[in-house]
Amino acid sequence: MPESHEFDLLCRGCEKVLSEHELRAKLALGRPLRVKLGVDPTAPDIHLGHSVGLSKLRQFQDLGHEAILIIGDFTAMIGDPSGRSVTRPQLTHQQVLSNAKSYQEQAFKILSRERARIVFNGEWFEAMSFEEVIKLNSRVTLQQMLVREDFRERIDKGQPIRAHEIQYPIMQGWDSVMIKADVELGGTDQLFNIMVGRDLQREEGQPRQVCMVMPILEGLDGKQKMSKSLGNYVALNESPGDMFGKLMSISDELMPKYYRILLSEELSAGGHPMESKKALARRITARFHSEADAAAAQAEFETRFSKKDLASADLPAFTPGGAARDIVSLLVEAYGQCFQLTKSRSDARRLVEGGSVQWRGEKVADPKAVLPQGEPGVLKLDKTRAVRIG
């Protein structure tokens, strides 16, 4: 493939490339580049947000380059503070290794297993003496670390920054030194960490890695970065029906961004939003399952919602846990129990007042309404979700 076409293809979809000149020069070397993507297995699931970087890494694989997936078994015990307003909970090494096994299985839904190199950064960090750790820390100043926007905001708000969090960018940067990375991929929130890697490589006499940052995928709420802890995610190992249904729940305003980031194309103007959303959900579901699974998920969705035939649909069973039967409390509980989504009482009240909520096919318009205890039926939560009680 001509270098110019390869360059254009690899840069497509990136938010920033530092620098384009360096990337062109590396592509002209005539050898496979070592392309690094680091993942921290802080939870057992990979979601669509993770798929953005993995898809770019697969693109490098398909062009004949070496894909290096760094499993951060040591960095995950710290937890990346990028974009965080609070300190992440620390995990044990055993928890991290358990999550890492699941991570790898899901990552190979995107990457070619045969053409990927999996590396655990515990290989070098576990062997470091305390003296070596101190020397590595001396390479970076506290002022450099605290210039980070997320750290600065926490200081301004009087929120603590733990000393171990400052280690994270240094450790991520040292990963690049150890594998002699030519290119590092990451989200826009990783820019600082990747630049630390460039600095450490220069000090070690290595050519600096090219920094290629990808856009951040917002979660289903359309407000914050997709995250399991926020409950606004679509996991790669979701069932076809759940994956399709979750994607159908995104707002019309968020849809162009999902088309651009996940499908690498622009949403066609003038199309019907519902049909465009179905096309998005079907294509993403087919990518991680099969075309047959995606078609079945769409048919089930249309039975459940488009045809209003909720009584015969396969719905999640919801068993209210508390004594309260007011509609707002039930909505909040049903979202959490059946869909792992956090909804405030204000959110639930707005759904009721907006006419989205139905009980046994009848609209519930009063936020103070109370459902009869012990009576079975279908409770429709919003345009794309419903549960069966009893």
Protein backbone atom coordinates (compact mmCIF):
# COMPACT_ATOMS: atom_id res chain seq x y z
CA MET A 1 0.00 0.00 0.00
CA PRO A 2 1.43 3.46 -0.88
CA GLU A 3 2.69 5.30 2.23
CA SER A 4 0.41 8.29 1.66
CA HIS A 5 -2.71 6.10 1.58
CA GLU A 6 -1.55 4.17 4.65
CA PHE A 7 -0.92 7.45 6.48
CA ASP A 8 -4.36 8.84 5.60
CA LEU A 9 -6.06 5.63 6.67
CA LEU A 10 -4.29 5.47 10.03
CA CYS A 11 -4.93 9.13 10.84
CA ARG A 12 -8.63 8.86 9.99
CA GLY A 13 -10.74 9.14 13.12
CA CYS A 14 -7.90 10.41 15.32
CA GLU A 15 -8.39 13.56 17.36
CA LYS A 16 -4.68 14.39 17.30
CA VAL A 17 -1.43 12.94 15.96
CA LEU A 18 1.85 14.14 17.46
CA SER A 19 3.32 14.46 15.12
CA GLU A 20 2.13 13.73 11.60
CA HIS A 21 5.63 14.37 10.29
CA GLU A 22 7.06 11.75 12.68
CA LEU A 23 4.41 9.22 11.69
CA ARG A 24 5.22 9.67 8.00
CA ALA A 25 8.91 9.17 8.78
CA LYS A 26 8.25 5.99 10.76
CA LEU A 27 6.02 4.55 8.03
CA ALA A 28 8.88 5.17 5.57
CA LEU A 29 11.27 3.01 7.63
CA GLY A 30 10.17 -0.06 5.69
CA ARG A 31 9.66 -2.25 8.77
CA PRO A 32 6.63 -3.14 10.92
CA LEU A 33 6.08 -0.51 13.59
CA ARG A 34 5.64 -1.45 17.24
CA VAL A 35 2.21 -0.06 18.09
CA LYS A 36 1.25 0.06 21.75
CA LEU A 37 -2.16 0.17 23.39
CA GLY A 38 -2.35 -0.15 27.16
CA VAL A 39 -5.41 -1.43 28.99
CA ASP A 40 -5.90 -1.64 32.73
CA PRO A 41 -8.18 -4.52 33.76
CA THR A 42 -9.91 -2.63 36.56
CA ALA A 43 -13.16 -4.48 35.73
CA PRO A 44 -13.91 -7.75 33.90
CA ASP A 45 -15.69 -6.20 30.92
CA ILE A 46 -14.55 -4.30 27.85
CA HIS A 47 -17.15 -1.87 26.50
CA LEU A 48 -17.67 0.04 23.27
CA GLY A 49 -15.51 2.88 24.57
CA HIS A 50 -12.53 0.52 24.71
CA SER A 51 -13.32 -0.71 21.20
CA VAL A 52 -12.25 2.63 19.69
CA GLY A 53 -8.56 2.16 20.48
CA LEU A 54 -8.69 -1.58 19.82
CA SER A 55 -10.18 -0.97 16.37
CA LYS A 56 -7.36 1.43 15.50
CA LEU A 57 -4.84 -1.15 16.73
CA ARG A 58 -6.52 -3.74 14.47
CA GLN A 59 -6.10 -1.31 11.58
CA PHE A 60 -2.34 -1.27 12.22
CA GLN A 61 -2.38 -5.08 12.36
CA ASP A 62 -4.09 -5.33 8.99
CA LEU A 63 -1.40 -3.11 7.50
CA GLY A 64 1.32 -5.48 8.72
CA HIS A 65 2.45 -3.69 11.87
CA GLU A 66 3.10 -5.26 15.28
CA ALA A 67 0.20 -4.79 17.70
CA ILE A 68 1.33 -4.79 21.34
CA LEU A 69 -1.43 -4.92 23.92
CA ILE A 70 -0.05 -3.94 27.30
CA ILE A 71 -2.04 -5.51 30.12
CA GLY A 72 -1.46 -3.18 33.05
CA ASP A 73 -1.44 -5.73 35.85
CA PHE A 74 0.65 -3.32 37.93
CA THR A 75 -0.78 0.00 36.75
CA ALA A 76 -4.32 -1.32 37.29
CA MET A 77 -3.58 -1.67 41.00
CA ILE A 78 -3.08 2.11 41.02
CA GLY A 79 -5.90 2.96 38.64
CA ASP A 80 -5.48 5.63 35.97
CA PRO A 81 -6.42 9.01 37.53
CA SER A 82 -6.99 10.59 34.08
CA GLY A 83 -10.29 12.43 34.05
CA ARG A 84 -11.14 11.29 37.57
CA SER A 85 -12.47 13.64 40.22
CA VAL A 86 -11.75 11.12 43.00
CA THR A 87 -9.15 8.47 43.72
CA ARG A 88 -9.92 5.10 42.16
CA PRO A 89 -10.40 2.16 44.56
CA GLN A 90 -7.26 0.01 44.63
CA LEU A 91 -7.46 -3.60 43.47
CA THR A 92 -5.47 -6.64 44.54
CA HIS A 93 -3.15 -8.30 42.03
CA GLN A 94 -5.38 -11.38 42.07
CA GLN A 95 -8.45 -9.28 41.14
CA VAL A 96 -6.51 -7.66 38.32
CA LEU A 97 -5.28 -10.98 36.88
CA SER A 98 -8.82 -12.37 36.95
CA ASN A 99 -10.09 -9.32 35.07
CA ALA A 100 -7.16 -9.55 32.64
CA LYS A 101 -8.21 -13.02 31.50
CA SER A 102 -11.68 -11.74 30.63
CA TYR A 103 -10.20 -8.63 28.98
CA GLN A 104 -8.07 -10.67 26.60
CA GLU A 105 -10.96 -12.90 25.55
CA GLN A 106 -13.05 -9.84 24.69
CA ALA A 107 -10.19 -7.91 23.05
CA PHE A 108 -9.84 -10.70 20.49
CA LYS A 109 -13.35 -9.96 19.28
CA ILE A 110 -11.55 -7.05 17.58
CA LEU A 111 -7.86 -7.93 17.36
CA SER A 112 -6.31 -10.79 15.44
CA ARG A 113 -5.09 -13.18 18.13
CA GLU A 114 -2.37 -14.60 15.87
CA ARG A 115 -0.89 -11.19 15.09
CA ALA A 116 -1.03 -9.65 18.58
CA ARG A 117 1.65 -9.57 21.23
CA ILE A 118 0.29 -9.56 24.79
CA VAL A 119 2.61 -8.13 27.44
CA PHE A 120 2.01 -7.70 31.19
CA ASN A 121 3.85 -4.69 32.61
CA GLY A 122 4.41 -6.64 35.81
CA GLU A 123 7.25 -8.29 33.87
CA TRP A 124 9.43 -5.25 34.50
CA PHE A 125 7.81 -3.47 37.44
CA GLU A 126 7.84 -6.58 39.65
CA ALA A 127 11.58 -6.88 39.14
CA MET A 128 12.39 -3.25 40.02
CA SER A 129 14.11 -2.51 43.30
CA PHE A 130 13.02 0.41 45.46
CA GLU A 131 16.20 2.24 44.43
CA GLU A 132 15.21 1.85 40.74
CA VAL A 133 11.72 3.14 41.49
CA ILE A 134 13.19 6.23 43.18
CA LYS A 135 15.50 6.84 40.22
CA LEU A 136 12.58 6.54 37.80
CA ASN A 137 10.57 9.02 39.86
CA SER A 138 13.46 11.48 39.76
CA ARG A 139 12.99 11.77 35.98
CA VAL A 140 9.72 13.70 36.43
CA THR A 141 8.99 16.80 38.49
CA LEU A 142 5.99 17.30 40.74
CA GLN A 143 5.21 20.47 38.78
CA GLN A 144 4.90 18.39 35.60
CA MET A 145 2.42 16.06 37.26
CA LEU A 146 0.32 18.79 38.84
CA VAL A 147 -0.08 20.70 35.57
CA ARG A 148 -2.58 18.01 34.59
CA GLU A 149 -6.07 19.44 34.36
CA ASP A 150 -7.71 16.69 36.43
CA PHE A 151 -5.15 17.04 39.23
CA ARG A 152 -5.41 20.83 39.15
CA GLU A 153 -9.19 20.70 39.42
CA ARG A 154 -9.00 18.40 42.42
CA ILE A 155 -6.56 20.73 44.14
CA ASP A 156 -8.82 23.72 43.44
CA LYS A 157 -11.77 21.83 44.94
CA GLY A 158 -9.81 20.74 47.99
CA GLN A 159 -10.01 17.07 46.96
CA PRO A 160 -7.07 14.78 47.81
CA ILE A 161 -4.51 13.50 45.33
CA ARG A 162 -2.77 10.41 46.67
CA ALA A 163 0.96 10.02 46.11
CA HIS A 164 0.50 6.69 44.31
CA GLU A 165 -1.69 8.38 41.64
CA ILE A 166 1.24 10.53 40.57
CA GLN A 167 3.12 7.31 39.75
CA TYR A 168 0.67 6.32 37.04
CA PRO A 169 1.88 8.52 34.13
CA ILE A 170 5.48 7.59 34.94
CA MET A 171 4.68 3.88 34.86
CA GLN A 172 2.72 4.17 31.61
CA GLY A 173 5.60 6.09 30.08
CA TRP A 174 8.11 3.47 31.21
CA ASP A 175 6.05 0.80 29.46
CA SER A 176 6.85 2.60 26.20
CA VAL A 177 10.57 2.52 26.99
CA MET A 178 10.51 -1.19 27.79
CA ILE A 179 8.85 -2.23 24.53
CA LYS A 180 10.53 0.50 22.43
CA ALA A 181 7.14 1.68 21.14
CA ASP A 182 7.02 3.47 17.80
CA VAL A 183 3.40 4.52 18.25
CA GLU A 184 1.12 4.71 21.28
CA LEU A 185 -2.67 4.80 21.01
CA GLY A 186 -5.03 6.18 23.64
CA GLY A 187 -8.03 8.36 24.29
CA THR A 188 -7.77 12.14 24.46
CA ASP A 189 -7.58 11.83 28.25
CA GLN A 190 -4.34 9.85 27.79
CA LEU A 191 -2.43 12.63 26.02
CA PHE A 192 -0.44 13.69 29.10
CA ASN A 193 0.57 10.10 29.94
CA ILE A 194 1.66 9.36 26.38
CA MET A 195 3.76 12.53 26.27
CA VAL A 196 5.55 11.41 29.45
CA GLY A 197 6.46 8.26 27.52
CA ARG A 198 7.96 10.36 24.73
CA ASP A 199 10.10 12.25 27.27
CA LEU A 200 11.35 9.08 28.94
CA GLN A 201 12.18 7.50 25.57
CA ARG A 202 14.22 10.56 24.60
CA GLU A 203 16.16 10.38 27.88
CA GLU A 204 16.88 6.70 27.19
CA GLY A 205 18.22 7.52 23.73
CA GLN A 206 15.25 5.95 21.93
CA PRO A 207 13.30 7.49 19.04
CA ARG A 208 10.18 9.07 20.51
CA GLN A 209 6.86 7.34 19.98
CA VAL A 210 4.16 8.97 17.90
CA CYS A 211 1.15 9.91 19.98
CA MET A 212 -2.19 9.06 18.36
CA VAL A 213 -5.20 9.97 20.49
CA MET A 214 -8.72 8.87 19.73
CA PRO A 215 -12.00 10.59 20.59
CA ILE A 216 -13.72 9.68 23.84
CA LEU A 217 -17.01 7.83 23.41
CA GLU A 218 -19.72 9.24 25.60
CA GLY A 219 -21.92 6.76 27.42
CA LEU A 220 -25.59 6.04 26.88
CA ASP A 221 -26.48 9.06 29.02
CA GLY A 222 -24.77 11.35 26.51
CA LYS A 223 -23.09 13.24 29.34
CA GLN A 224 -20.03 11.39 30.62
CA LYS A 225 -17.36 9.07 29.26
CA MET A 226 -18.61 5.52 28.81
CA SER A 227 -17.80 3.73 32.03
CA LYS A 228 -18.93 0.62 33.83
CA SER A 229 -18.81 2.43 37.17
CA LEU A 230 -21.29 4.98 35.82
CA GLY A 231 -23.58 2.30 34.39
CA ASN A 232 -23.75 4.06 31.00
CA TYR A 233 -21.90 1.39 29.01
CA VAL A 234 -22.45 -1.31 26.39
CA ALA A 235 -20.19 -4.29 27.09
CA LEU A 236 -18.76 -6.31 24.21
CA ASN A 237 -20.03 -9.50 25.83
CA GLU A 238 -23.63 -8.24 26.21
CA SER A 239 -26.24 -10.54 24.72
CA PRO A 240 -27.36 -9.45 21.22
CA GLY A 241 -30.74 -8.34 22.57
CA ASP A 242 -29.24 -6.26 25.37
CA MET A 243 -26.64 -4.72 23.07
CA PHE A 244 -29.25 -3.77 20.46
CA GLY A 245 -31.65 -2.44 23.10
CA LYS A 246 -29.02 -0.34 24.86
CA LEU A 247 -27.91 1.23 21.58
CA MET A 248 -31.52 2.06 20.76
CA SER A 249 -31.67 4.04 24.00
CA ILE A 250 -29.15 6.71 22.96
CA SER A 251 -30.48 10.16 22.15
CA ASP A 252 -30.91 11.43 18.60
CA GLU A 253 -28.34 14.13 19.43
CA LEU A 254 -25.71 11.53 20.36
CA MET A 255 -26.28 9.36 17.29
CA PRO A 256 -24.01 11.30 14.82
CA LYS A 257 -21.09 10.90 17.22
CA TYR A 258 -21.67 7.15 17.54
CA TYR A 259 -21.76 6.85 13.74
CA ARG A 260 -18.55 8.83 13.43
CA ILE A 261 -16.59 7.10 16.22
CA LEU A 262 -17.88 3.52 15.98
CA LEU A 263 -18.62 3.22 12.25
CA SER A 264 -16.12 5.78 10.88
CA GLU A 265 -18.78 7.44 8.78
CA GLU A 266 -21.07 10.43 8.90
CA LEU A 267 -24.76 10.02 9.63
CA SER A 268 -26.74 10.68 6.47
CA ALA A 269 -28.78 13.86 6.64
CA GLY A 270 -32.49 13.59 6.12
CA GLY A 271 -32.88 10.00 7.28
CA HIS A 272 -35.52 9.03 9.83
CA PRO A 273 -33.85 9.04 13.29
CA MET A 274 -35.47 5.76 14.38
CA GLU A 275 -34.36 3.92 11.23
CA SER A 276 -30.86 5.38 11.49
CA LYS A 277 -30.66 4.25 15.10
CA LYS A 278 -31.83 0.75 14.18
CA ALA A 279 -29.15 0.59 11.48
CA LEU A 280 -26.49 1.65 14.00
CA ALA A 281 -27.65 -0.86 16.61
CA ARG A 282 -27.86 -3.68 14.07
CA ARG A 283 -24.40 -3.04 12.60
CA ILE A 284 -22.70 -2.83 16.00
CA THR A 285 -24.52 -5.93 17.26
CA ALA A 286 -23.55 -7.86 14.12
CA ARG A 287 -19.92 -6.79 14.58
CA PHE A 288 -19.63 -8.45 17.98
CA HIS A 289 -22.07 -11.33 17.41
CA SER A 290 -23.38 -12.20 13.94
CA GLU A 291 -25.73 -10.81 11.32
CA ALA A 292 -28.30 -13.46 12.28
CA ASP A 293 -28.07 -12.49 15.97
CA ALA A 294 -28.44 -8.81 15.07
CA ALA A 295 -31.48 -9.49 12.90
CA ALA A 296 -33.11 -11.51 15.69
CA ALA A 297 -32.36 -8.76 18.21
CA GLN A 298 -33.95 -6.17 15.94
CA ALA A 299 -37.02 -8.35 15.40
CA GLU A 300 -37.41 -8.81 19.15
CA PHE A 301 -37.00 -5.08 19.72
CA GLU A 302 -39.64 -4.26 17.12
CA THR A 303 -42.02 -6.81 18.65
CA ARG A 304 -41.43 -5.29 22.04
CA PHE A 305 -41.73 -1.62 21.14
CA SER A 306 -42.52 -0.81 17.53
CA LYS A 307 -45.49 -3.18 17.39
CA LYS A 308 -46.51 -2.41 20.99
CA ASP A 309 -46.77 -6.16 21.67
CA LEU A 310 -45.14 -6.06 25.09
CA ALA A 311 -47.32 -8.80 26.54
CA SER A 312 -45.68 -11.47 24.35
CA ALA A 313 -42.14 -10.02 24.41
CA ASP A 314 -39.22 -11.58 26.28
CA LEU A 315 -38.76 -8.96 29.02
CA PRO A 316 -36.48 -8.81 32.08
CA ALA A 317 -38.25 -9.99 35.23
CA PHE A 318 -38.43 -7.28 37.89
CA THR A 319 -39.07 -8.07 41.52
CA PRO A 320 -39.51 -4.89 43.60
CA GLY A 321 -37.35 -5.13 46.69
CA GLY A 322 -38.96 -2.57 48.93
CA ALA A 323 -42.42 -1.88 50.27
CA ALA A 324 -42.76 1.33 48.28
CA ARG A 325 -44.94 0.97 45.19
CA ASP A 326 -44.99 4.55 43.99
CA ILE A 327 -44.12 4.76 40.32
CA VAL A 328 -41.00 6.91 40.78
CA SER A 329 -39.45 4.47 43.28
CA LEU A 330 -40.27 1.51 41.05
CA LEU A 331 -38.65 3.13 38.02
CA VAL A 332 -35.43 3.90 39.89
CA GLU A 333 -35.27 0.34 41.25
CA ALA A 334 -36.13 -1.32 37.91
CA TYR A 335 -33.40 0.58 36.03
CA GLY A 336 -30.80 -0.51 38.58
CA GLN A 337 -31.93 -4.12 39.00
CA CYS A 338 -32.66 -5.00 35.37
CA PHE A 339 -30.42 -2.68 33.34
CA GLN A 340 -27.62 -1.68 35.76
CA LEU A 341 -28.44 1.96 35.08
CA THR A 342 -28.48 4.64 37.76
CA LYS A 343 -31.48 6.93 37.54
CA SER A 344 -32.28 9.66 40.03
CA ARG A 345 -35.79 10.24 41.29
CA SER A 346 -35.80 13.47 39.27
CA ASP A 347 -34.94 11.50 36.11
CA ALA A 348 -37.77 9.06 36.83
CA ARG A 349 -40.22 11.86 37.50
CA ARG A 350 -39.38 13.48 34.18
CA LEU A 351 -40.05 10.20 32.36
CA VAL A 352 -43.48 9.98 33.97
CA GLU A 353 -44.33 13.59 33.25
CA GLY A 354 -43.07 13.21 29.67
CA GLY A 355 -45.51 10.39 28.97
CA SER A 356 -42.93 7.61 28.54
CA VAL A 357 -44.12 5.34 31.37
CA GLN A 358 -46.90 2.78 30.96
CA TRP A 359 -48.42 0.14 33.23
CA ARG A 360 -50.32 -2.66 31.49
CA GLY A 361 -50.46 -0.60 28.31
CA GLU A 362 -51.92 2.48 30.01
CA LYS A 363 -49.93 5.67 30.35
CA VAL A 364 -48.96 6.69 33.90
CA ALA A 365 -48.94 10.49 34.01
CA ASP A 366 -48.94 11.14 37.76
CA PRO A 367 -45.52 10.87 39.52
CA LYS A 368 -47.40 10.15 42.77
CA ALA A 369 -49.23 7.15 41.28
CA VAL A 370 -49.00 3.90 43.25
CA LEU A 371 -49.16 0.48 41.60
CA PRO A 372 -51.34 -2.16 43.31
CA GLN A 373 -49.28 -4.59 45.41
CA GLY A 374 -49.06 -8.15 44.14
CA GLU A 375 -50.55 -7.47 40.71
CA PRO A 376 -48.52 -8.78 37.73
CA GLY A 377 -48.04 -6.85 34.51
CA VAL A 378 -45.67 -5.09 32.17
CA LEU A 379 -44.13 -1.79 33.24
CA LYS A 380 -42.75 0.25 30.34
CA LEU A 381 -39.95 2.46 31.65
CA ASP A 382 -39.20 4.54 28.56
CA LYS A 383 -39.19 4.29 24.77
CA THR A 384 -36.83 1.31 24.68
CA ARG A 385 -37.07 -0.50 28.03
CA ALA A 386 -39.76 -2.48 29.78
CA VAL A 387 -39.88 -5.05 32.58
CA ARG A 388 -42.28 -7.74 33.68
CA ILE A 389 -43.53 -7.70 37.27
CA GLY A 390 -44.90 -10.89 38.82
